[in-house]
Structure formats: C-alpha cells, structure tokens
Amino acid sequence: MTPLALAYSPCPNDTYVFAALANGWLDGAPPVRVELADIDRLNAAAARAQYELVKVSYGAIPFLHDRYRILRAGGALGRGCGPLLIARPDRAPTLFAEVADRKIAIPGERTTAFLLLQLALGRRPKTVAMRFDAIAGAVAAGEVDAGLIIHESRFTYRDQGLISIADLGEWWENVTLLPIPLGAILVRRDVGLALAKSVDDAIRRSVAFAREHDDRVMPYVREHAAETADDVTRAHIDLYVNAYTDDLGDQGIAAVASLFERAAEGGIVPHGTQPEFV
C-alpha cells in the first residue's frame, strides 16, 4: 500500500499523538509519510488539498469542507486550553475592546485563535501575522502592541515580562459552556471511507501507545519541540492531549457546530457550513 501523506505540527501534543503511527510501531496501521510544519502553513497546504491527512485549525475548516472530512480522533479540544492575548504591562489597554485599535500579532489568518479573537471583539482588529513562536518576542520588543499566543508560548510568556489581557478559551467557555475546539485531523475526500476509518482507529491506538510507552515516545517529542524544557513539554501534553483526543464525542461535536455557527453569524466564515465527521 502506498503511504498516505500525513502532515502535522512539531508541537508536543501532535508529535506525542502521532509518534507511534509515524514511526511504524502499530501493527496493521496504514503506512504514512510524515511532514511537519507550522499550523499556518498546514492551513494553507490544506487549502491546496496537498495532503491526504493533515492537522488544521478549526478556524480553517469552513473553507475546506468540500475537500476534507474531519476525523474524530487526534485533534486538540478541551477546557482551560484556549489562546491568550498578551501585552507588555506598560502597553496593556485599560479595556479589552480597546485592543482592536492596536497592532496585534496573530499566528495566522485562519487559525482558531484569530477566529475567537474576532468573535470576542465583535469585529476584525488590526493584525500582523507571524509564526506562533515569534509572537511573544515581538510583543516584548515593542514591535506590536499585543500578541495572540498558542502552543508552548502560553507556558513561557511570563518569562519575558508579559501579562495576559484576555483568555479567549475562558471567554468561549463562559459564553457557550462548551469545550474549545482548537485543531482537528482532516482526511481528504478521495480517501475511501474504510481507509479513513482505519486511519481514525490507528490514531486512537497511537495515543494509547504513547500513554503506555512514554520512554519510546518522548525522544521523538523532544526532537521536534520548540521549547526544550521538559516541564513545558509535559505541561503542553497534559493540557492538550485528553479524552477529546481519543474521540470528540457528542460534546466535542456540539462545540465544533457552535463555533461554525457563531463564526457564520459574525460574517467570518461562509454561512451554512456544517462539520462533517468520518
């Protein structure tokens, strides 16, 4: 069987989830050919239908549903894990709404983080896009007035003297009472349903393998992590790899549907977009 092209980020939660599948440690799993890239590049690649299997932001999926379906396993969704809006103490706005008129660094136009920021503000703010791991440094250097951070940065921004001025995951949970959908694994529509289900099962088994064989998985995780501190890597995995990673379940699916509906009502994504799961 020809290996399926699988692309995901080098962040610890993704490398932890896919370590066993990527390294051929699962009996009977479909073979894969792996590429790693920043989430904004993955969203752009999915827009070109470049990979058969790809990790993307939920904020990008309404623009991809004609080319991909969503797998129920392997994604990032949970509570207390949303993106943070950060600033230097001397440049933090008095009111959250005031930040819309400042220059904000974002990790990508179609990231879930930016979608949430627009929903929370009720309009599109001034932005500049940059790699997620460069944002905190740009805020600290005064290159931008605020930054929208994801991944490992949420554990390290205080080390640069920065403060959180908004927790967008907390905002989402207060408004909806639902977990926050951050990222999903998509399967291209030309992959047959039986094979897509086999991949979904293999991802679920890959997560189980990681939990049972930490000593085999963690070297792969550390090899690709942007932050080398073990405590940051472990905190990242503990936060983003959870029960929803095994399967979204009814509550996870309801959260995705709510995100799409609110984004459509806000004019951010096309109307009528419905999530389609394998």
Protein backbone atom coordinates (compact mmCIF):
# COMPACT_ATOMS: atom_id res chain seq x y z
CA MET A 1 0.00 0.00 0.00
CA THR A 2 1.28 3.46 -0.90
CA PRO A 3 1.88 5.51 2.27
CA LEU A 4 -0.59 8.29 2.97
CA ALA A 5 0.83 11.80 3.21
CA LEU A 6 0.32 12.95 6.81
CA ALA A 7 1.21 16.48 7.94
CA TYR A 8 1.07 17.86 11.47
CA SER A 9 2.84 20.43 13.62
CA PRO A 10 6.05 19.86 15.60
CA CYS A 11 4.25 20.87 18.80
CA PRO A 12 4.43 18.32 21.64
CA ASN A 13 0.76 17.34 21.58
CA ASP A 14 0.91 16.45 17.87
CA THR A 15 4.22 14.59 17.99
CA TYR A 16 3.02 12.72 21.09
CA VAL A 17 -0.24 11.73 19.40
CA PHE A 18 1.40 10.59 16.15
CA ALA A 19 4.73 9.16 17.37
CA ALA A 20 3.67 5.52 17.19
CA LEU A 21 1.88 5.86 13.85
CA ALA A 22 4.68 7.92 12.29
CA ASN A 23 7.40 5.50 13.39
CA GLY A 24 5.61 2.30 12.34
CA TRP A 25 5.11 0.98 15.87
CA LEU A 26 1.48 -0.07 15.36
CA ASP A 27 0.58 -3.46 13.91
CA GLY A 28 -1.79 -3.26 10.96
CA ALA A 29 -1.87 0.54 10.79
CA PRO A 30 -1.94 2.22 7.36
CA PRO A 31 1.57 3.37 6.38
CA VAL A 32 2.15 7.12 6.41
CA ARG A 33 4.72 9.55 5.06
CA VAL A 34 5.11 12.40 7.55
CA GLU A 35 5.82 16.10 7.11
CA LEU A 36 5.96 18.62 9.94
CA ALA A 37 5.04 22.30 9.56
CA ASP A 38 3.74 25.32 11.46
CA ILE A 39 -0.05 25.41 11.80
CA ASP A 40 -0.44 28.41 9.49
CA ARG A 41 1.46 26.55 6.76
CA LEU A 42 -0.68 23.46 7.36
CA ASN A 43 -3.86 25.52 6.95
CA ALA A 44 -2.50 26.89 3.66
CA ALA A 45 -1.48 23.42 2.47
CA ALA A 46 -4.94 22.08 3.24
CA ALA A 47 -6.45 24.86 1.12
CA ARG A 48 -4.48 23.32 -1.79
CA ALA A 49 -5.56 19.79 -0.74
CA GLN A 50 -1.84 18.97 -0.61
CA TYR A 51 -2.00 16.15 1.94
CA GLU A 52 -4.31 13.18 2.36
CA LEU A 53 -4.16 13.62 6.14
CA VAL A 54 -3.49 16.98 7.75
CA LYS A 55 -3.79 18.78 11.10
CA VAL A 56 -5.55 22.12 10.71
CA SER A 57 -7.18 24.82 12.80
CA TYR A 58 -10.93 24.57 13.26
CA GLY A 59 -11.00 28.17 12.09
CA ALA A 60 -9.84 26.98 8.64
CA ILE A 61 -12.24 24.05 8.22
CA PRO A 62 -15.26 26.05 6.93
CA PHE A 63 -13.11 26.88 3.90
CA LEU A 64 -12.02 23.25 3.41
CA HIS A 65 -15.17 21.15 3.80
CA ASP A 66 -15.51 20.49 0.05
CA ARG A 67 -12.08 18.77 0.06
CA TYR A 68 -11.83 17.17 3.52
CA ARG A 69 -13.78 15.43 6.27
CA ILE A 70 -12.97 15.58 9.98
CA LEU A 71 -11.61 12.59 11.91
CA ARG A 72 -12.95 12.13 15.41
CA ALA A 73 -9.54 11.21 16.90
CA GLY A 74 -6.26 13.06 17.24
CA GLY A 75 -7.42 16.66 17.44
CA ALA A 76 -6.99 19.38 20.06
CA LEU A 77 -10.09 20.30 22.01
CA GLY A 78 -10.61 20.86 25.71
CA ARG A 79 -11.10 23.22 28.61
CA GLY A 80 -8.66 25.76 30.02
CA CYS A 81 -6.51 25.47 26.90
CA GLY A 82 -7.56 28.41 24.74
CA PRO A 83 -5.34 31.07 23.17
CA LEU A 84 -4.19 34.04 25.23
CA LEU A 85 -3.91 37.69 24.26
CA ILE A 86 -0.75 39.09 25.84
CA ALA A 87 0.92 42.50 26.16
CA ARG A 88 3.67 44.35 27.99
CA PRO A 89 2.34 45.80 31.26
CA ASP A 90 3.18 49.33 30.11
CA ARG A 91 1.23 48.89 26.85
CA ALA A 92 -1.77 46.89 28.05
CA PRO A 93 -5.14 48.53 27.26
CA THR A 94 -7.42 49.52 30.13
CA LEU A 95 -10.39 47.87 28.42
CA PHE A 96 -10.28 44.71 26.30
CA ALA A 97 -12.24 46.35 23.45
CA GLU A 98 -9.52 48.98 23.06
CA VAL A 99 -7.09 46.36 21.78
CA ALA A 100 -8.93 46.23 18.43
CA ASP A 101 -7.36 49.58 17.53
CA ARG A 102 -3.83 48.41 18.38
CA LYS A 103 -1.47 46.29 16.26
CA ILE A 104 -1.84 42.63 17.25
CA ALA A 105 0.44 39.79 16.19
CA ILE A 106 -1.55 36.67 15.26
CA PRO A 107 -0.39 33.12 14.38
CA GLY A 108 -2.37 33.10 11.11
CA GLU A 109 -5.49 34.45 9.43
CA ARG A 110 -7.37 31.15 9.58
CA THR A 111 -6.28 29.92 12.97
CA THR A 112 -8.94 29.22 15.56
CA ALA A 113 -7.16 31.72 17.81
CA PHE A 114 -7.82 34.57 15.39
CA LEU A 115 -11.39 33.42 14.84
CA LEU A 116 -12.00 33.53 18.60
CA LEU A 117 -10.41 36.97 18.88
CA GLN A 118 -12.77 38.34 16.23
CA LEU A 119 -15.78 36.75 17.92
CA ALA A 120 -14.80 38.15 21.32
CA LEU A 121 -14.18 41.65 19.97
CA GLY A 122 -17.16 41.67 17.64
CA ARG A 123 -15.02 42.97 14.77
CA ARG A 124 -11.75 42.45 12.97
CA PRO A 125 -8.77 44.15 14.70
CA LYS A 126 -5.53 45.45 13.19
CA THR A 127 -3.17 42.50 12.80
CA VAL A 128 0.17 41.26 11.54
CA ALA A 129 0.69 37.53 11.00
CA MET A 130 3.86 35.76 12.20
CA ARG A 131 5.00 32.35 13.35
CA PHE A 132 3.46 31.40 16.69
CA ASP A 133 6.86 31.07 18.40
CA ALA A 134 7.94 34.60 17.36
CA ILE A 135 4.91 36.42 18.77
CA ALA A 136 5.90 36.75 22.44
CA GLY A 137 9.32 38.09 21.46
CA ALA A 138 7.73 40.67 19.15
CA VAL A 139 5.46 41.84 21.97
CA ALA A 140 8.35 42.07 24.43
CA ALA A 141 10.41 44.06 21.91
CA GLY A 142 7.58 46.53 21.34
CA GLU A 143 7.23 45.61 17.65
CA VAL A 144 3.50 45.06 18.21
CA ASP A 145 1.10 46.24 20.89
CA ALA A 146 -0.28 42.79 21.74
CA GLY A 147 0.09 39.18 20.69
CA LEU A 148 -2.21 36.21 20.31
CA ILE A 149 -0.34 33.14 21.56
CA ILE A 150 -0.92 29.40 21.22
CA HIS A 151 1.01 26.16 21.82
CA GLU A 152 4.08 26.30 24.10
CA SER A 153 4.05 30.09 24.31
CA ARG A 154 1.18 30.04 26.79
CA PHE A 155 3.56 28.41 29.30
CA THR A 156 6.51 30.76 28.80
CA TYR A 157 5.25 34.29 28.04
CA ARG A 158 5.64 35.44 31.66
CA ASP A 159 9.38 34.72 31.43
CA GLN A 160 9.57 37.73 29.07
CA GLY A 161 7.80 40.06 31.48
CA LEU A 162 4.47 39.86 29.64
CA ILE A 163 0.93 39.63 31.01
CA SER A 164 -2.28 38.06 29.78
CA ILE A 165 -5.00 40.59 28.98
CA ALA A 166 -7.58 38.07 27.74
CA ASP A 167 -8.05 34.31 27.90
CA LEU A 168 -10.12 33.53 24.82
CA GLY A 169 -10.70 29.93 25.85
CA GLU A 170 -12.22 31.16 29.10
CA TRP A 171 -14.34 33.64 27.15
CA TRP A 172 -15.59 30.84 24.88
CA GLU A 173 -16.41 28.52 27.78
CA ASN A 174 -18.30 31.26 29.63
CA VAL A 175 -20.36 32.12 26.55
CA THR A 176 -21.12 28.57 25.38
CA LEU A 177 -20.45 26.25 28.38
CA LEU A 178 -18.68 24.05 25.82
CA PRO A 179 -15.04 22.98 25.42
CA ILE A 180 -12.96 24.96 22.95
CA PRO A 181 -12.26 23.33 19.55
CA LEU A 182 -8.73 24.26 18.51
CA GLY A 183 -7.44 21.85 15.86
CA ALA A 184 -8.55 18.72 14.01
CA ILE A 185 -7.15 15.98 11.81
CA LEU A 186 -8.69 16.02 8.34
CA VAL A 187 -8.84 13.26 5.74
CA ARG A 188 -9.08 14.15 2.07
CA ARG A 189 -12.30 13.13 0.36
CA ASP A 190 -10.55 10.93 -2.21
CA VAL A 191 -9.51 8.59 0.62
CA GLY A 192 -12.11 5.83 0.82
CA LEU A 193 -14.36 5.61 3.86
CA ALA A 194 -12.98 2.24 5.01
CA LEU A 195 -9.41 3.53 4.88
CA ALA A 196 -10.41 6.78 6.59
CA LYS A 197 -11.96 4.81 9.45
CA SER A 198 -8.83 2.66 9.65
CA VAL A 199 -6.72 5.82 10.00
CA ASP A 200 -9.05 7.16 12.69
CA ASP A 201 -8.64 3.90 14.62
CA ALA A 202 -4.86 3.96 14.11
CA ILE A 203 -4.63 7.48 15.55
CA ARG A 204 -6.62 6.36 18.57
CA ARG A 205 -4.24 3.42 19.02
CA SER A 206 -1.25 5.73 18.58
CA VAL A 207 -2.48 7.86 21.50
CA ALA A 208 -2.94 4.75 23.64
CA PHE A 209 0.56 3.58 22.73
CA ALA A 210 2.02 6.93 23.80
CA ARG A 211 0.34 6.72 27.19
CA GLU A 212 1.68 3.21 27.73
CA HIS A 213 5.21 3.73 26.30
CA ASP A 214 6.32 7.15 27.44
CA ASP A 215 10.01 6.20 27.21
CA ARG A 216 9.73 5.39 23.49
CA VAL A 217 7.56 8.37 22.54
CA MET A 218 9.19 11.26 24.41
CA PRO A 219 12.52 11.28 22.49
CA TYR A 220 10.52 11.87 19.30
CA VAL A 221 8.55 14.63 21.00
CA ARG A 222 11.68 16.35 22.34
CA GLU A 223 13.41 16.13 18.96
CA HIS A 224 10.83 18.47 17.41
CA ALA A 225 9.71 20.69 20.31
CA ALA A 226 10.31 24.45 20.04
CA GLU A 227 10.71 24.65 23.82
CA THR A 228 13.36 22.29 25.19
CA ALA A 229 12.38 22.42 28.88
CA ASP A 230 10.87 19.09 29.91
CA ASP A 231 8.38 20.68 32.29
CA VAL A 232 6.99 22.85 29.48
CA THR A 233 6.78 19.89 27.12
CA ARG A 234 4.98 17.77 29.70
CA ALA A 235 2.58 20.57 30.65
CA HIS A 236 1.77 21.03 26.97
CA ILE A 237 0.94 17.35 26.50
CA ASP A 238 -1.07 17.14 29.72
CA LEU A 239 -3.19 20.14 28.68
CA TYR A 240 -3.88 19.33 25.03
CA VAL A 241 -3.96 15.52 24.97
CA ASN A 242 -7.12 14.46 26.79
CA ALA A 243 -10.29 12.42 26.42
CA TYR A 244 -11.36 14.51 23.41
CA THR A 245 -8.15 13.44 21.65
CA ASP A 246 -9.38 9.85 21.72
CA ASP A 247 -12.80 10.83 20.42
CA LEU A 248 -14.62 14.16 20.17
CA GLY A 249 -17.84 12.66 21.48
CA ASP A 250 -21.21 14.42 21.40
CA GLN A 251 -19.99 17.41 23.41
CA GLY A 252 -16.99 17.96 21.18
CA ILE A 253 -19.12 17.79 18.05
CA ALA A 254 -21.57 20.28 19.60
CA ALA A 255 -18.66 22.63 20.31
CA VAL A 256 -17.50 22.49 16.70
CA ALA A 257 -21.02 23.12 15.40
CA SER A 258 -21.39 26.10 17.76
CA LEU A 259 -18.06 27.57 16.63
CA PHE A 260 -19.05 27.35 12.95
CA GLU A 261 -22.50 28.80 13.62
CA ARG A 262 -21.18 31.77 15.62
CA ALA A 263 -18.46 32.44 13.05
CA ALA A 264 -21.03 32.45 10.25
CA GLU A 265 -23.30 34.79 12.20
CA GLY A 266 -20.30 37.11 12.65
CA GLY A 267 -19.59 37.09 8.91
CA ILE A 268 -16.20 35.45 9.41
CA VAL A 269 -16.87 32.16 7.60
CA PRO A 270 -19.41 31.16 4.90
CA HIS A 271 -23.00 30.59 6.02
CA GLY A 272 -24.37 27.07 6.01
CA THR A 273 -21.09 25.33 6.79
CA GLN A 274 -21.72 22.10 8.71
CA PRO A 275 -18.94 19.96 10.17
CA GLU A 276 -18.75 16.53 8.54
CA PHE A 277 -17.08 13.76 10.53
CA VAL A 278 -15.84 10.33 9.48
